[in-house]
Amino acid sequence: MAMAELAMKQEDPRTPDVTALLRAHLQFAAEQSPEEHVHALDIGGLLDESVTFFSARDDGLLLGVGALKMLDDSHGELKSIHTAERARGRGVGRAVVDHLVDVARGRGVTRLSLETGTMEAFAPSRALYKSVGFEVSEPFGDYWENEYSVCMTMELA
């Protein structure tokens, strides 16, 4: 799949195929982390006015999702990044993250942060974020230091 075929667009998370992929995202998080350490947003959280939700589609087929949550005028958080199992290893996650970084830059965000798991199942995500320029950071917002989470941040020029 050429990335030129991947269409990134703002989308309603209540769209049926999106809801199904988000359900898989929440299930994955719940299987890997204790309940109190699952920070993935549900549909209601993704509908918050501070959140802009995007889908990644190839000829209409949903391959990935991601969201940008504005914490304040200059600090954004990446949320709900998930690639459909059938599309893993094809650059979809990277395309979603790159799109969210571009959207954040376009909004004048100077700091972009995220939280992800420390377990082995999250290693591909951590590697992706590091390759884009995120570095491990202190907890931000409502996150706290714990063995199940790692926070990462990136300063945007």
C-alpha atoms as a PDB file:
ATOM      1  CA  MET A   1       0.000   0.000   0.000  1.00  0.00           C
ATOM      2  CA  ALA A   2       1.437   3.354  -0.989  1.00  0.00           C
ATOM      3  CA  MET A   3       0.933   6.025   1.640  1.00  0.00           C
ATOM      4  CA  ALA A   4      -0.458   8.316  -1.086  1.00  0.00           C
ATOM      5  CA  GLU A   5      -3.540   6.073  -1.045  1.00  0.00           C
ATOM      6  CA  LEU A   6      -4.081   6.662   2.674  1.00  0.00           C
ATOM      7  CA  ALA A   7      -6.707   9.336   3.291  1.00  0.00           C
ATOM      8  CA  MET A   8      -6.596  11.084   6.661  1.00  0.00           C
ATOM      9  CA  LYS A   9      -9.796  12.881   7.589  1.00  0.00           C
ATOM     10  CA  GLN A  10     -11.577  14.272  10.590  1.00  0.00           C
ATOM     11  CA  GLU A  11     -14.325  11.814  11.463  1.00  0.00           C
ATOM     12  CA  ASP A  12     -17.053  11.151  14.008  1.00  0.00           C
ATOM     13  CA  PRO A  13     -15.907   8.356  16.361  1.00  0.00           C
ATOM     14  CA  ARG A  14     -19.519   7.084  16.383  1.00  0.00           C
ATOM     15  CA  THR A  15     -19.158   5.890  12.761  1.00  0.00           C
ATOM     16  CA  PRO A  16     -19.819   2.119  12.983  1.00  0.00           C
ATOM     17  CA  ASP A  17     -16.468   0.819  11.664  1.00  0.00           C
ATOM     18  CA  VAL A  18     -14.621   3.413  13.743  1.00  0.00           C
ATOM     19  CA  THR A  19     -16.541   2.377  16.860  1.00  0.00           C
ATOM     20  CA  ALA A  20     -15.547  -1.242  16.230  1.00  0.00           C
ATOM     21  CA  LEU A  21     -11.853  -0.314  15.895  1.00  0.00           C
ATOM     22  CA  LEU A  22     -12.038   1.820  19.047  1.00  0.00           C
ATOM     23  CA  ARG A  23     -13.618  -1.121  20.871  1.00  0.00           C
ATOM     24  CA  ALA A  24     -10.604  -3.231  19.822  1.00  0.00           C
ATOM     25  CA  HIS A  25      -8.289  -0.439  21.043  1.00  0.00           C
ATOM     26  CA  LEU A  26      -9.961  -0.332  24.464  1.00  0.00           C
ATOM     27  CA  GLN A  27      -9.953  -4.139  24.698  1.00  0.00           C
ATOM     28  CA  PHE A  28      -6.223  -4.235  23.883  1.00  0.00           C
ATOM     29  CA  ALA A  29      -5.521  -1.629  26.580  1.00  0.00           C
ATOM     30  CA  ALA A  30      -7.655  -3.503  29.132  1.00  0.00           C
ATOM     31  CA  GLU A  31      -5.861  -6.782  28.383  1.00  0.00           C
ATOM     32  CA  GLN A  32      -2.430  -5.190  28.914  1.00  0.00           C
ATOM     33  CA  SER A  33      -2.957  -2.836  31.846  1.00  0.00           C
ATOM     34  CA  PRO A  34      -4.752  -2.840  35.189  1.00  0.00           C
ATOM     35  CA  GLU A  35      -8.069  -0.975  34.916  1.00  0.00           C
ATOM     36  CA  GLU A  36      -6.869   2.089  36.836  1.00  0.00           C
ATOM     37  CA  HIS A  37      -3.974   2.447  34.373  1.00  0.00           C
ATOM     38  CA  VAL A  38      -6.032   2.350  31.164  1.00  0.00           C
ATOM     39  CA  HIS A  39      -6.084   5.945  29.943  1.00  0.00           C
ATOM     40  CA  ALA A  40      -7.623   5.359  26.514  1.00  0.00           C
ATOM     41  CA  LEU A  41     -10.612   7.573  25.777  1.00  0.00           C
ATOM     42  CA  ASP A  42     -14.037   6.070  25.207  1.00  0.00           C
ATOM     43  CA  ILE A  43     -16.428   7.476  22.581  1.00  0.00           C
ATOM     44  CA  GLY A  44     -17.690  10.114  25.004  1.00  0.00           C
ATOM     45  CA  GLY A  45     -14.146  11.262  25.718  1.00  0.00           C
ATOM     46  CA  LEU A  46     -13.379  11.463  22.010  1.00  0.00           C
ATOM     47  CA  LEU A  47     -16.466  13.643  21.488  1.00  0.00           C
ATOM     48  CA  ASP A  48     -15.164  16.255  23.966  1.00  0.00           C
ATOM     49  CA  GLU A  49     -14.725  19.679  22.370  1.00  0.00           C
ATOM     50  CA  SER A  50     -10.984  19.628  23.210  1.00  0.00           C
ATOM     51  CA  VAL A  51     -10.491  16.527  21.015  1.00  0.00           C
ATOM     52  CA  THR A  52     -10.225  16.287  17.227  1.00  0.00           C
ATOM     53  CA  PHE A  53     -10.561  12.714  15.976  1.00  0.00           C
ATOM     54  CA  PHE A  54      -9.165  11.401  12.680  1.00  0.00           C
ATOM     55  CA  SER A  55      -9.458   8.236  10.626  1.00  0.00           C
ATOM     56  CA  ALA A  56      -6.965   6.766   8.155  1.00  0.00           C
ATOM     57  CA  ARG A  57      -8.638   5.014   5.228  1.00  0.00           C
ATOM     58  CA  ASP A  58      -7.452   3.300   2.084  1.00  0.00           C
ATOM     59  CA  ASP A  59     -10.182   3.361  -0.576  1.00  0.00           C
ATOM     60  CA  GLY A  60     -12.762   3.684   2.195  1.00  0.00           C
ATOM     61  CA  LEU A  61     -11.381   0.821   4.301  1.00  0.00           C
ATOM     62  CA  LEU A  62     -10.606   1.932   7.864  1.00  0.00           C
ATOM     63  CA  LEU A  63      -6.975   1.157   8.712  1.00  0.00           C
ATOM     64  CA  GLY A  64      -6.255   3.410  11.669  1.00  0.00           C
ATOM     65  CA  VAL A  65      -7.402   6.156  13.994  1.00  0.00           C
ATOM     66  CA  GLY A  66      -5.911   8.846  16.189  1.00  0.00           C
ATOM     67  CA  ALA A  67      -6.859  12.007  18.021  1.00  0.00           C
ATOM     68  CA  LEU A  68      -5.369  15.288  19.139  1.00  0.00           C
ATOM     69  CA  LYS A  69      -6.510  16.611  22.505  1.00  0.00           C
ATOM     70  CA  MET A  70      -5.726  20.234  23.253  1.00  0.00           C
ATOM     71  CA  LEU A  71      -4.585  20.547  26.880  1.00  0.00           C
ATOM     72  CA  ASP A  72      -4.152  24.320  26.483  1.00  0.00           C
ATOM     73  CA  ASP A  73      -3.309  26.724  23.629  1.00  0.00           C
ATOM     74  CA  SER A  74       0.273  25.476  23.299  1.00  0.00           C
ATOM     75  CA  HIS A  75       0.212  21.878  24.634  1.00  0.00           C
ATOM     76  CA  GLY A  76      -1.474  18.982  22.853  1.00  0.00           C
ATOM     77  CA  GLU A  77      -1.782  15.280  23.628  1.00  0.00           C
ATOM     78  CA  LEU A  78      -1.937  12.381  21.186  1.00  0.00           C
ATOM     79  CA  LYS A  79      -4.794   9.992  22.065  1.00  0.00           C
ATOM     80  CA  SER A  80      -6.439   6.824  20.757  1.00  0.00           C
ATOM     81  CA  ILE A  81      -3.819   5.938  18.164  1.00  0.00           C
ATOM     82  CA  HIS A  82      -4.635   2.465  16.890  1.00  0.00           C
ATOM     83  CA  THR A  83      -3.940   0.564  13.684  1.00  0.00           C
ATOM     84  CA  ALA A  84      -6.269  -2.187  12.522  1.00  0.00           C
ATOM     85  CA  GLU A  85      -4.608  -5.577  12.939  1.00  0.00           C
ATOM     86  CA  ARG A  86      -4.815  -6.259   9.184  1.00  0.00           C
ATOM     87  CA  ALA A  87      -2.806  -3.079   8.477  1.00  0.00           C
ATOM     88  CA  ARG A  88       0.017  -3.362  11.020  1.00  0.00           C
ATOM     89  CA  GLY A  89       3.551  -3.059   9.721  1.00  0.00           C
ATOM     90  CA  ARG A  90       2.440  -1.020   6.706  1.00  0.00           C
ATOM     91  CA  GLY A  91       3.181   2.491   7.961  1.00  0.00           C
ATOM     92  CA  VAL A  92      -0.375   3.383   8.979  1.00  0.00           C
ATOM     93  CA  GLY A  93       0.541   4.238  12.580  1.00  0.00           C
ATOM     94  CA  ARG A  94       3.400   6.441  11.379  1.00  0.00           C
ATOM     95  CA  ALA A  95       1.060   8.209   8.940  1.00  0.00           C
ATOM     96  CA  VAL A  96      -1.480   8.841  11.718  1.00  0.00           C
ATOM     97  CA  VAL A  97       1.171  10.196  14.095  1.00  0.00           C
ATOM     98  CA  ASP A  98       2.707  12.379  11.354  1.00  0.00           C
ATOM     99  CA  HIS A  99      -0.748  13.771  10.538  1.00  0.00           C
ATOM    100  CA  LEU A 100      -1.487  14.563  14.185  1.00  0.00           C
ATOM    101  CA  VAL A 101       1.896  16.297  14.570  1.00  0.00           C
ATOM    102  CA  ASP A 102       1.162  18.374  11.451  1.00  0.00           C
ATOM    103  CA  VAL A 103      -2.293  19.324  12.766  1.00  0.00           C
ATOM    104  CA  ALA A 104      -0.758  20.312  16.111  1.00  0.00           C
ATOM    105  CA  ARG A 105       1.901  22.442  14.393  1.00  0.00           C
ATOM    106  CA  GLY A 106      -0.806  24.109  12.314  1.00  0.00           C
ATOM    107  CA  ARG A 107      -2.592  25.064  15.537  1.00  0.00           C
ATOM    108  CA  GLY A 108       0.531  26.642  17.002  1.00  0.00           C
ATOM    109  CA  VAL A 109       1.161  23.841  19.509  1.00  0.00           C
ATOM    110  CA  THR A 110       4.713  24.039  20.850  1.00  0.00           C
ATOM    111  CA  ARG A 111       4.647  20.897  23.039  1.00  0.00           C
ATOM    112  CA  LEU A 112       3.056  17.585  22.135  1.00  0.00           C
ATOM    113  CA  SER A 113       2.803  14.782  24.704  1.00  0.00           C
ATOM    114  CA  LEU A 114       1.399  11.282  25.063  1.00  0.00           C
ATOM    115  CA  GLU A 115       1.054   8.415  27.518  1.00  0.00           C
ATOM    116  CA  THR A 116       1.500   4.779  26.574  1.00  0.00           C
ATOM    117  CA  GLY A 117       2.073   1.476  28.310  1.00  0.00           C
ATOM    118  CA  THR A 118       5.381   0.068  29.528  1.00  0.00           C
ATOM    119  CA  MET A 119       4.526  -3.561  28.755  1.00  0.00           C
ATOM    120  CA  GLU A 120       6.115  -5.461  25.857  1.00  0.00           C
ATOM    121  CA  ALA A 121       2.874  -5.224  23.845  1.00  0.00           C
ATOM    122  CA  PHE A 122       3.395  -1.449  23.683  1.00  0.00           C
ATOM    123  CA  ALA A 123       7.041  -1.680  22.506  1.00  0.00           C
ATOM    124  CA  PRO A 124       6.155  -1.054  18.822  1.00  0.00           C
ATOM    125  CA  SER A 125       4.234   2.078  19.830  1.00  0.00           C
ATOM    126  CA  ARG A 126       7.084   3.381  21.968  1.00  0.00           C
ATOM    127  CA  ALA A 127       9.541   2.745  19.123  1.00  0.00           C
ATOM    128  CA  LEU A 128       7.284   4.602  16.680  1.00  0.00           C
ATOM    129  CA  TYR A 129       6.948   7.603  18.985  1.00  0.00           C
ATOM    130  CA  LYS A 130      10.705   7.710  19.594  1.00  0.00           C
ATOM    131  CA  SER A 131      11.385   7.540  15.829  1.00  0.00           C
ATOM    132  CA  VAL A 132       9.157  10.585  15.310  1.00  0.00           C
ATOM    133  CA  GLY A 133      11.023  12.581  17.962  1.00  0.00           C
ATOM    134  CA  PHE A 134       9.186  11.960  21.236  1.00  0.00           C
ATOM    135  CA  GLU A 135      11.328  11.512  24.347  1.00  0.00           C
ATOM    136  CA  VAL A 136      10.450  10.000  27.722  1.00  0.00           C
ATOM    137  CA  SER A 137       9.257  12.747  30.064  1.00  0.00           C
ATOM    138  CA  GLU A 138       7.796  13.387  33.471  1.00  0.00           C
ATOM    139  CA  PRO A 139       4.064  12.734  33.810  1.00  0.00           C
ATOM    140  CA  PHE A 140       1.875  15.614  32.612  1.00  0.00           C
ATOM    141  CA  GLY A 141      -1.749  16.558  33.149  1.00  0.00           C
ATOM    142  CA  ASP A 142      -3.574  13.973  35.274  1.00  0.00           C
ATOM    143  CA  TYR A 143      -0.977  11.206  34.760  1.00  0.00           C
ATOM    144  CA  TRP A 144       1.210  10.007  37.611  1.00  0.00           C
ATOM    145  CA  GLU A 145       4.448   8.058  37.938  1.00  0.00           C
ATOM    146  CA  ASN A 146       3.758   4.308  37.908  1.00  0.00           C
ATOM    147  CA  GLU A 147       5.151   1.056  36.531  1.00  0.00           C
ATOM    148  CA  TYR A 148       2.471   0.659  33.838  1.00  0.00           C
ATOM    149  CA  SER A 149       2.733   4.024  32.069  1.00  0.00           C
ATOM    150  CA  VAL A 150       5.386   6.074  30.356  1.00  0.00           C
ATOM    151  CA  CYS A 151       4.857   9.663  29.272  1.00  0.00           C
ATOM    152  CA  MET A 152       6.642  11.074  26.257  1.00  0.00           C
ATOM    153  CA  THR A 153       6.861  14.602  24.891  1.00  0.00           C
ATOM    154  CA  MET A 154       8.176  16.467  21.883  1.00  0.00           C
ATOM    155  CA  GLU A 155       8.883  20.153  21.449  1.00  0.00           C
ATOM    156  CA  LEU A 156       7.561  21.452  18.122  1.00  0.00           C
ATOM    157  CA  ALA A 157       9.490  24.145  16.246  1.00  0.00           C
END
